[in-house]
Amino acid sequence: MFESNAQTSLPPQESYQFTNGHWFDGKNFRRQIFYSVHGILTGKKPAKVDEVVDLQNGYIIPPLAEAHNHWLEPQSVDEYIQNYLRDGVFYVKDQGNSPYLVSQFRDQVNRPTSVDYITALQGFTESGGHPNQIMLQFKGMGVFPKDWSEQDLNGKALMLINKESDIASHLALLLKDKPTFVKVFLLFSEQYEERKNNPKYLYKRGLNPKLLPEIIRLAHQSGLSVSAHISSAADFHNALIAGVDEISHLPLVDFEDGVSKEHFIISANDARLTAQRGVRVITTISWLSEMKSENPQQAEEALHQVVIPNLRVLKKYKVELLVGSDQFRQTPLGEIMLLSSTGVFTNLELLKMSCEVTPRAIFPKRKIGFLREGYEASFLVLGGNPLVNFEQIKNIRLRFKQGYLLGTPKQ
């Protein structure tokens, strides 16, 4: 074994034989022998086996994935990588960043001994909209050059779209840095006109929903999918009708905005249409933990009156749900365990969501998410059966990625 450092000069890939393991087949665990040859799983014994690894009756699952986070601290990316590998998370989808920041850590990701990473780069919002305030906060933290003004963030950290004629030029600028997808921001779009010029709602608004279809049209024309930040059920509806490919949140309950819980309930019609159109939805319910520490009663109301009903209606109509936390400096493990605690999903459903559905949605062209012949040799070995006790998903004995046996990540 060797330490999983992005700067490590990789040794040649060895051929491994894995014995005494229970392998997840998508429904249950089966005892079988697998080999890793040139970083690919196979059940066929190669001519030469360099090392036999006894998995000691462990339970083997594909690696986990994070469909929603933001890596905005280049100086801390090695720590991020170690934390993700520690929790068995090999795949990350960054839902909004800056080319200036990402360029500083590109050589640390997408390596066999690191985390595989994609990003939208600059998200589309409007002046004074979400997440302008967040980028200003990071500017204050020193991650951007000191001489950048607030206006400099436009085009470098955000794409500010105030009128339709802004769209094409900003998308052309975005494409120069080769994003993997496009991110757009809606925030109480049903109140867009009311919030637009009201200082009370500075940073509590997003794009004009009327501009969204054109952004999506041009993004699709460029071969890129579109992921939408939403806050309310109306945002969910407007993003869906406009033609997005992914909705990056469940509605984010905010009682402080003076709106009732009904504003956050996804309708059965919208859930049905989401499934019919193949639109993915990312969970991001970890904000409940923050709300619980500040106002436990509101958190309970949000959980039982909004979050659980939304999860149930999406599950009912077989919407593809992805695991994502949107919790800065954290991995999705807390999100996964919170989803488990809701009681909406069986252990099998949640395991498949975490290690099959989410990884394959992030990297749809790769052979990952399954432990099958010809797939990437990437997996986790757990100390117990997560179908019996889901807490076992945290009990990782061994990590194997693209043909390399990883050392224990630094704590």
Protein backbone atom coordinates (compact mmCIF):
# COMPACT_ATOMS: atom_id res chain seq x y z
CA MET A 1 0.00 0.00 0.00
CA PHE A 2 1.01 3.66 -0.35
CA GLU A 3 -0.28 6.97 0.91
CA SER A 4 -2.91 8.53 -1.36
CA ASN A 5 -1.20 11.80 -2.19
CA ALA A 6 -2.05 13.55 -5.44
CA GLN A 7 1.62 14.35 -6.06
CA THR A 8 2.80 10.74 -5.60
CA SER A 9 4.53 9.28 -8.64
CA LEU A 10 2.39 6.23 -9.28
CA PRO A 11 3.98 2.76 -9.32
CA PRO A 12 2.99 0.29 -12.05
CA GLN A 13 -0.47 -1.20 -11.61
CA GLU A 14 -0.25 -4.66 -10.09
CA SER A 15 -2.63 -7.53 -10.71
CA TYR A 16 -4.63 -8.34 -7.58
CA GLN A 17 -6.75 -11.28 -6.55
CA PHE A 18 -9.41 -10.50 -3.94
CA THR A 19 -10.61 -13.41 -1.84
CA ASN A 20 -13.07 -13.91 1.03
CA GLY A 21 -15.30 -10.99 0.11
CA HIS A 22 -19.05 -10.44 -0.17
CA TRP A 23 -19.62 -8.32 -3.32
CA PHE A 24 -22.68 -6.08 -3.81
CA ASP A 25 -24.55 -7.08 -6.98
CA GLY A 26 -27.17 -4.33 -6.89
CA LYS A 27 -29.62 -6.33 -4.77
CA ASN A 28 -27.62 -8.27 -2.24
CA PHE A 29 -24.10 -9.41 -1.39
CA ARG A 30 -22.60 -12.48 -3.06
CA ARG A 31 -19.46 -14.29 -2.07
CA GLN A 32 -17.12 -14.46 -5.06
CA ILE A 33 -13.56 -13.82 -6.26
CA PHE A 34 -12.63 -10.78 -8.32
CA TYR A 35 -9.35 -9.71 -9.90
CA SER A 36 -8.02 -6.28 -10.77
CA VAL A 37 -6.03 -6.24 -14.01
CA HIS A 38 -4.79 -2.93 -15.42
CA GLY A 39 -7.26 -1.17 -13.15
CA ILE A 40 -10.28 -3.12 -14.41
CA LEU A 41 -12.43 -5.66 -12.54
CA THR A 42 -12.65 -9.16 -13.93
CA GLY A 43 -13.75 -12.56 -12.74
CA LYS A 44 -11.18 -14.22 -15.02
CA LYS A 45 -7.89 -15.16 -13.41
CA PRO A 46 -4.96 -13.46 -15.19
CA ALA A 47 -1.79 -15.26 -16.18
CA LYS A 48 0.02 -13.53 -13.34
CA VAL A 49 -1.28 -12.40 -9.95
CA ASP A 50 1.07 -10.01 -8.15
CA GLU A 51 -0.75 -10.02 -4.82
CA VAL A 52 -3.60 -11.92 -3.18
CA VAL A 53 -5.67 -9.73 -0.84
CA ASP A 54 -7.75 -11.45 1.82
CA LEU A 55 -10.84 -9.27 2.37
CA GLN A 56 -11.57 -11.11 5.63
CA ASN A 57 -15.30 -11.57 4.96
CA GLY A 58 -15.77 -7.86 4.30
CA TYR A 59 -18.69 -6.39 2.36
CA ILE A 60 -17.67 -4.69 -0.87
CA ILE A 61 -19.55 -1.75 -2.39
CA PRO A 62 -18.77 0.78 -5.13
CA PRO A 63 -17.34 4.11 -3.85
CA LEU A 64 -19.65 6.92 -2.73
CA ALA A 65 -20.18 10.24 -4.50
CA GLU A 66 -20.98 13.90 -3.73
CA ALA A 67 -23.30 15.55 -6.26
CA HIS A 68 -23.31 19.01 -4.69
CA ASN A 69 -20.48 20.86 -3.01
CA HIS A 70 -18.09 23.77 -3.64
CA TRP A 71 -14.31 23.52 -3.32
CA LEU A 72 -13.45 27.20 -2.87
CA GLU A 73 -10.20 26.95 -0.91
CA PRO A 74 -7.29 25.81 -3.12
CA GLN A 75 -4.92 25.84 -0.14
CA SER A 76 -7.14 23.26 1.62
CA VAL A 77 -7.83 20.90 -1.28
CA ASP A 78 -5.37 18.27 -0.06
CA GLU A 79 -7.32 18.20 3.21
CA TYR A 80 -10.60 17.96 1.27
CA ILE A 81 -9.22 15.01 -0.70
CA GLN A 82 -8.09 13.19 2.43
CA ASN A 83 -11.48 13.74 4.10
CA TYR A 84 -13.36 12.47 1.06
CA LEU A 85 -11.18 9.39 0.67
CA ARG A 86 -11.49 8.72 4.40
CA ASP A 87 -15.28 8.61 4.05
CA GLY A 88 -15.11 6.51 0.89
CA VAL A 89 -16.17 9.32 -1.45
CA PHE A 90 -14.27 9.13 -4.75
CA TYR A 91 -16.41 11.38 -6.99
CA VAL A 92 -17.31 15.06 -6.56
CA LYS A 93 -19.53 17.41 -8.55
CA ASP A 94 -18.74 21.07 -7.79
CA GLN A 95 -21.87 23.11 -8.41
CA GLY A 96 -20.20 26.51 -8.71
CA ASN A 97 -16.65 27.83 -8.58
CA SER A 98 -14.14 30.15 -10.25
CA PRO A 99 -11.55 29.32 -12.93
CA TYR A 100 -9.02 31.30 -10.88
CA LEU A 101 -9.51 28.92 -7.91
CA VAL A 102 -9.92 25.66 -9.82
CA SER A 103 -6.75 26.27 -11.85
CA GLN A 104 -4.79 26.13 -8.58
CA PHE A 105 -5.78 22.54 -7.77
CA ARG A 106 -6.58 20.86 -11.09
CA ASP A 107 -3.38 18.79 -10.87
CA GLN A 108 -4.46 17.44 -7.46
CA VAL A 109 -7.70 15.83 -8.64
CA ASN A 110 -8.75 13.27 -11.26
CA ARG A 111 -5.91 10.90 -10.39
CA PRO A 112 -6.15 7.24 -9.32
CA THR A 113 -4.96 8.17 -5.84
CA SER A 114 -7.16 11.26 -5.46
CA VAL A 115 -10.77 12.32 -5.95
CA ASP A 116 -12.41 12.57 -9.38
CA TYR A 117 -13.85 16.04 -9.82
CA ILE A 118 -16.01 18.03 -12.23
CA THR A 119 -17.27 21.60 -11.96
CA ALA A 120 -19.69 24.09 -13.52
CA LEU A 121 -17.29 26.98 -12.80
CA GLN A 122 -19.14 30.32 -12.70
CA GLY A 123 -22.87 30.08 -12.04
CA PHE A 124 -25.48 32.28 -13.74
CA THR A 125 -27.33 34.73 -11.49
CA GLU A 126 -28.07 38.46 -11.57
CA SER A 127 -26.54 41.51 -9.90
CA GLY A 128 -27.36 41.39 -6.19
CA GLY A 129 -28.50 37.78 -6.46
CA HIS A 130 -27.45 34.59 -4.74
CA PRO A 131 -24.54 33.71 -4.48
CA ASN A 132 -22.92 37.13 -4.91
CA GLN A 133 -22.68 37.50 -1.15
CA ILE A 134 -20.88 34.17 -0.79
CA MET A 135 -18.23 35.12 -3.33
CA LEU A 136 -17.76 38.46 -1.58
CA GLN A 137 -17.25 36.60 1.68
CA PHE A 138 -14.57 34.46 0.08
CA LYS A 139 -12.97 37.56 -1.36
CA GLY A 140 -12.79 38.85 2.22
CA MET A 141 -11.15 35.56 3.23
CA GLY A 142 -8.36 36.22 0.74
CA VAL A 143 -9.02 33.47 -1.81
CA PHE A 144 -9.32 36.04 -4.62
CA PRO A 145 -6.73 38.73 -5.48
CA LYS A 146 -6.88 41.78 -3.22
CA ASP A 147 -7.16 44.15 -6.16
CA TRP A 148 -10.33 42.51 -7.48
CA SER A 149 -13.36 44.74 -7.04
CA GLU A 150 -16.91 43.47 -6.66
CA GLN A 151 -17.38 44.10 -10.36
CA ASP A 152 -14.32 41.96 -11.14
CA LEU A 153 -16.19 38.96 -9.79
CA ASN A 154 -18.53 39.22 -12.80
CA GLY A 155 -17.12 36.81 -15.33
CA LYS A 156 -14.41 35.54 -13.00
CA ALA A 157 -16.48 34.07 -10.15
CA LEU A 158 -20.08 34.61 -11.30
CA MET A 159 -21.98 35.25 -14.50
CA LEU A 160 -24.29 38.21 -13.88
CA ILE A 161 -27.23 38.18 -16.28
CA ASN A 162 -29.46 41.25 -16.00
CA LYS A 163 -30.94 41.16 -19.50
CA GLU A 164 -31.23 38.68 -22.35
CA SER A 165 -28.40 40.28 -24.34
CA ASP A 166 -25.99 39.33 -21.52
CA ILE A 167 -26.51 35.60 -22.01
CA ALA A 168 -24.58 34.73 -25.16
CA SER A 169 -21.45 36.72 -24.26
CA HIS A 170 -21.28 35.29 -20.74
CA LEU A 171 -21.79 31.74 -21.96
CA ALA A 172 -19.02 32.21 -24.53
CA LEU A 173 -16.73 33.43 -21.73
CA LEU A 174 -17.65 30.42 -19.59
CA LEU A 175 -16.99 27.95 -22.40
CA LYS A 176 -13.38 29.13 -22.76
CA ASP A 177 -12.57 27.46 -19.42
CA LYS A 178 -14.28 24.18 -20.36
CA PRO A 179 -16.92 23.65 -17.64
CA THR A 180 -18.51 20.20 -17.44
CA PHE A 181 -22.03 21.63 -17.08
CA VAL A 182 -23.86 24.94 -16.50
CA LYS A 183 -25.26 26.13 -13.16
CA VAL A 184 -28.16 28.59 -12.84
CA PHE A 185 -29.67 30.17 -9.73
CA LEU A 186 -33.35 30.70 -8.97
CA LEU A 187 -34.44 32.05 -5.59
CA PHE A 188 -38.14 32.62 -4.90
CA SER A 189 -38.63 33.26 -8.62
CA GLU A 190 -42.39 33.52 -8.05
CA GLN A 191 -41.58 36.80 -6.25
CA TYR A 192 -38.97 37.97 -8.74
CA GLU A 193 -40.58 41.31 -9.59
CA GLU A 194 -41.22 42.10 -5.92
CA ARG A 195 -37.66 41.26 -4.87
CA LYS A 196 -35.80 42.71 -7.86
CA ASN A 197 -35.43 46.31 -6.66
CA ASN A 198 -36.09 45.81 -2.95
CA PRO A 199 -32.94 46.22 -0.80
CA LYS A 200 -34.54 43.92 1.77
CA TYR A 201 -33.93 41.07 -0.67
CA LEU A 202 -30.35 41.85 -1.63
CA TYR A 203 -28.66 38.47 -2.24
CA LYS A 204 -32.06 36.80 -1.67
CA ARG A 205 -33.02 36.56 -5.31
CA GLY A 206 -31.73 34.91 -8.45
CA LEU A 207 -32.20 35.01 -12.20
CA ASN A 208 -35.24 36.43 -13.88
CA PRO A 209 -37.08 33.15 -14.61
CA LYS A 210 -38.05 34.51 -18.05
CA LEU A 211 -34.37 34.37 -19.07
CA LEU A 212 -33.86 30.78 -18.03
CA PRO A 213 -35.14 29.07 -21.22
CA GLU A 214 -32.62 30.98 -23.38
CA ILE A 215 -29.71 30.10 -21.10
CA ILE A 216 -30.75 26.45 -21.24
CA ARG A 217 -31.21 26.53 -25.02
CA LEU A 218 -27.71 27.93 -25.61
CA ALA A 219 -26.14 25.59 -23.04
CA HIS A 220 -27.74 22.56 -24.67
CA GLN A 221 -26.65 23.86 -28.07
CA SER A 222 -23.10 23.84 -26.68
CA GLY A 223 -23.48 20.26 -25.49
CA LEU A 224 -23.74 21.09 -21.77
CA SER A 225 -26.42 20.03 -19.29
CA VAL A 226 -27.94 22.56 -16.89
CA SER A 227 -28.27 22.25 -13.11
CA ALA A 228 -30.55 24.65 -11.22
CA HIS A 229 -30.29 26.00 -7.69
CA ILE A 230 -33.80 26.34 -6.29
CA SER A 231 -35.27 27.51 -3.00
CA SER A 232 -39.05 27.25 -3.31
CA ALA A 233 -41.47 24.80 -4.91
CA ALA A 234 -42.20 27.50 -7.51
CA ASP A 235 -38.49 27.59 -8.36
CA PHE A 236 -38.61 23.81 -8.77
CA HIS A 237 -41.56 24.17 -11.15
CA ASN A 238 -40.03 27.04 -13.13
CA ALA A 239 -36.71 25.22 -13.54
CA LEU A 240 -38.52 22.08 -14.66
CA ILE A 241 -40.72 23.87 -17.20
CA ALA A 242 -37.72 25.80 -18.56
CA GLY A 243 -36.00 22.52 -19.41
CA VAL A 244 -33.19 21.98 -16.89
CA ASP A 245 -31.51 18.59 -16.66
CA GLU A 246 -30.93 18.62 -12.92
CA ILE A 247 -32.33 20.37 -9.87
CA SER A 248 -29.53 20.76 -7.36
CA HIS A 249 -31.66 21.09 -4.22
CA LEU A 250 -34.86 20.06 -2.63
CA PRO A 251 -36.74 23.22 -1.62
CA LEU A 252 -34.77 24.96 1.16
CA VAL A 253 -37.24 25.80 3.88
CA ASP A 254 -36.77 29.38 5.07
CA PHE A 255 -39.47 30.44 7.49
CA GLU A 256 -37.65 33.76 7.95
CA ASP A 257 -38.88 34.89 4.55
CA GLY A 258 -42.38 34.99 5.97
CA VAL A 259 -43.76 32.29 3.71
CA SER A 260 -45.67 29.24 4.79
CA LYS A 261 -44.60 25.64 4.41
CA GLU A 262 -46.89 25.28 1.38
CA HIS A 263 -44.37 27.35 -0.61
CA PHE A 264 -41.88 24.48 -0.29
CA ILE A 265 -44.07 21.47 -1.11
CA ILE A 266 -43.37 19.84 -4.48
CA SER A 267 -46.63 19.01 -6.24
CA ALA A 268 -47.47 15.52 -7.45
CA ASN A 269 -47.77 16.90 -11.00
CA ASP A 270 -44.27 18.35 -10.86
CA ALA A 271 -42.86 15.12 -9.40
CA ARG A 272 -44.52 13.14 -12.18
CA LEU A 273 -43.17 15.52 -14.86
CA THR A 274 -39.69 15.41 -13.30
CA ALA A 275 -39.64 11.64 -13.71
CA GLN A 276 -41.11 11.76 -17.24
CA ARG A 277 -38.42 14.20 -18.39
CA GLY A 278 -35.59 12.31 -16.69
CA VAL A 279 -34.61 15.31 -14.58
CA ARG A 280 -32.37 14.40 -11.64
CA VAL A 281 -32.87 15.92 -8.17
CA ILE A 282 -30.09 16.32 -5.58
CA THR A 283 -31.16 15.95 -1.95
CA THR A 284 -29.14 18.56 0.04
CA ILE A 285 -31.12 18.29 3.30
CA SER A 286 -28.13 18.77 5.61
CA TRP A 287 -29.19 22.35 6.29
CA LEU A 288 -31.65 20.73 8.70
CA SER A 289 -28.75 20.09 11.08
CA GLU A 290 -27.90 23.79 11.16
CA MET A 291 -31.54 24.73 11.65
CA LYS A 292 -31.82 22.20 14.47
CA SER A 293 -28.99 23.83 16.41
CA GLU A 294 -30.63 27.26 16.06
CA ASN A 295 -34.33 26.41 16.26
CA PRO A 296 -35.12 22.72 17.00
CA GLN A 297 -38.88 23.21 16.70
CA GLN A 298 -38.62 24.76 13.23
CA ALA A 299 -36.27 21.99 12.17
CA GLU A 300 -38.78 19.34 13.23
CA GLU A 301 -41.57 21.14 11.38
CA ALA A 302 -39.43 21.47 8.26
CA LEU A 303 -38.44 17.80 8.39
CA HIS A 304 -41.89 16.30 8.93
CA GLN A 305 -44.04 18.85 7.08
CA VAL A 306 -41.81 19.54 4.06
CA VAL A 307 -38.67 17.43 3.62
CA ILE A 308 -40.15 13.98 4.21
CA PRO A 309 -43.29 14.67 2.10
CA ASN A 310 -41.06 15.95 -0.73
CA LEU A 311 -38.82 12.90 -0.59
CA ARG A 312 -41.86 10.63 -0.56
CA VAL A 313 -43.55 12.22 -3.56
CA LEU A 314 -40.31 12.12 -5.59
CA LYS A 315 -39.77 8.49 -4.61
CA LYS A 316 -43.38 7.64 -5.47
CA TYR A 317 -42.94 8.85 -9.05
CA LYS A 318 -39.48 7.24 -9.35
CA VAL A 319 -37.52 10.47 -9.77
CA GLU A 320 -33.77 9.84 -9.94
CA LEU A 321 -32.41 11.15 -6.63
CA LEU A 322 -28.74 11.95 -6.13
CA VAL A 323 -26.88 12.40 -2.85
CA GLY A 324 -25.40 15.85 -2.33
CA SER A 325 -24.78 17.81 0.84
CA ASP A 326 -23.91 21.40 -0.19
CA GLN A 327 -22.09 21.51 3.15
CA PHE A 328 -18.87 23.46 2.76
CA ARG A 329 -15.74 21.64 4.05
CA GLN A 330 -17.74 18.46 4.66
CA THR A 331 -18.30 15.20 2.82
CA PRO A 332 -21.74 13.75 1.93
CA LEU A 333 -21.52 11.10 4.64
CA GLY A 334 -23.60 13.23 7.02
CA GLU A 335 -26.18 13.76 4.27
CA ILE A 336 -26.39 10.02 3.64
CA MET A 337 -26.94 9.26 7.33
CA LEU A 338 -29.55 12.03 7.62
CA LEU A 339 -31.41 10.58 4.64
CA SER A 340 -31.28 7.21 6.37
CA SER A 341 -32.81 8.69 9.52
CA THR A 342 -35.87 10.02 7.64
CA GLY A 343 -37.21 6.48 7.20
CA VAL A 344 -38.22 7.23 3.61
CA PHE A 345 -35.74 4.83 2.04
CA THR A 346 -34.84 1.23 2.69
CA ASN A 347 -31.19 0.44 3.28
CA LEU A 348 -31.01 -1.04 -0.20
CA GLU A 349 -32.54 2.04 -1.84
CA LEU A 350 -30.19 4.40 -0.04
CA LEU A 351 -27.13 2.26 -0.73
CA LYS A 352 -27.91 2.21 -4.45
CA MET A 353 -28.54 5.97 -4.44
CA SER A 354 -25.19 6.58 -2.75
CA CYS A 355 -22.87 4.23 -4.62
CA GLU A 356 -24.62 3.49 -7.93
CA VAL A 357 -26.97 6.26 -9.02
CA THR A 358 -24.97 9.30 -7.89
CA PRO A 359 -21.53 8.26 -9.25
CA ARG A 360 -23.01 7.27 -12.62
CA ALA A 361 -24.90 10.57 -12.89
CA ILE A 362 -21.68 12.52 -12.30
CA PHE A 363 -19.59 10.48 -14.76
CA PRO A 364 -22.15 8.93 -17.14
CA LYS A 365 -19.59 7.80 -19.73
CA ARG A 366 -17.45 5.81 -17.29
CA LYS A 367 -17.90 2.23 -16.13
CA ILE A 368 -18.38 2.96 -12.44
CA GLY A 369 -21.10 2.38 -9.84
CA PHE A 370 -21.23 -1.37 -10.36
CA LEU A 371 -18.94 -4.25 -9.38
CA ARG A 372 -19.03 -6.04 -12.70
CA GLU A 373 -16.82 -7.50 -15.38
CA GLY A 374 -15.04 -4.72 -17.28
CA TYR A 375 -15.83 -1.94 -14.80
CA GLU A 376 -13.24 0.24 -13.09
CA ALA A 377 -11.59 -1.53 -10.17
CA SER A 378 -12.77 0.95 -7.56
CA PHE A 379 -14.51 -0.15 -4.38
CA LEU A 380 -14.77 0.02 -0.59
CA VAL A 381 -14.54 -2.90 1.79
CA LEU A 382 -16.86 -2.53 4.79
CA GLY A 383 -16.63 -4.39 8.07
CA GLY A 384 -20.32 -5.30 8.08
CA ASN A 385 -23.43 -5.58 5.93
CA PRO A 386 -25.04 -2.12 5.34
CA LEU A 387 -28.27 -3.78 4.21
CA VAL A 388 -28.65 -5.11 7.75
CA ASN A 389 -27.14 -2.14 9.62
CA PHE A 390 -26.71 0.99 7.52
CA GLU A 391 -24.19 2.42 10.00
CA GLN A 392 -21.72 -0.07 8.49
CA ILE A 393 -21.32 2.31 5.55
CA LYS A 394 -18.97 4.24 7.85
CA ASN A 395 -16.94 1.15 8.78
CA ILE A 396 -14.43 1.20 5.91
CA ARG A 397 -11.60 -1.32 6.14
CA LEU A 398 -10.05 -0.84 2.71
CA ARG A 399 -10.21 1.54 -0.26
CA PHE A 400 -9.29 0.52 -3.81
CA LYS A 401 -9.35 2.97 -6.72
CA GLN A 402 -8.68 2.30 -10.40
CA GLY A 403 -6.35 -0.57 -9.65
CA TYR A 404 -4.51 0.97 -6.70
CA LEU A 405 -4.78 -0.11 -3.09
CA LEU A 406 -4.92 3.17 -1.16
CA GLY A 407 -3.27 3.75 2.15
CA THR A 408 -5.26 5.02 5.12
CA PRO A 409 -6.09 8.71 4.48
CA LYS A 410 -4.66 11.18 6.95
CA GLN A 411 -7.08 12.12 9.71
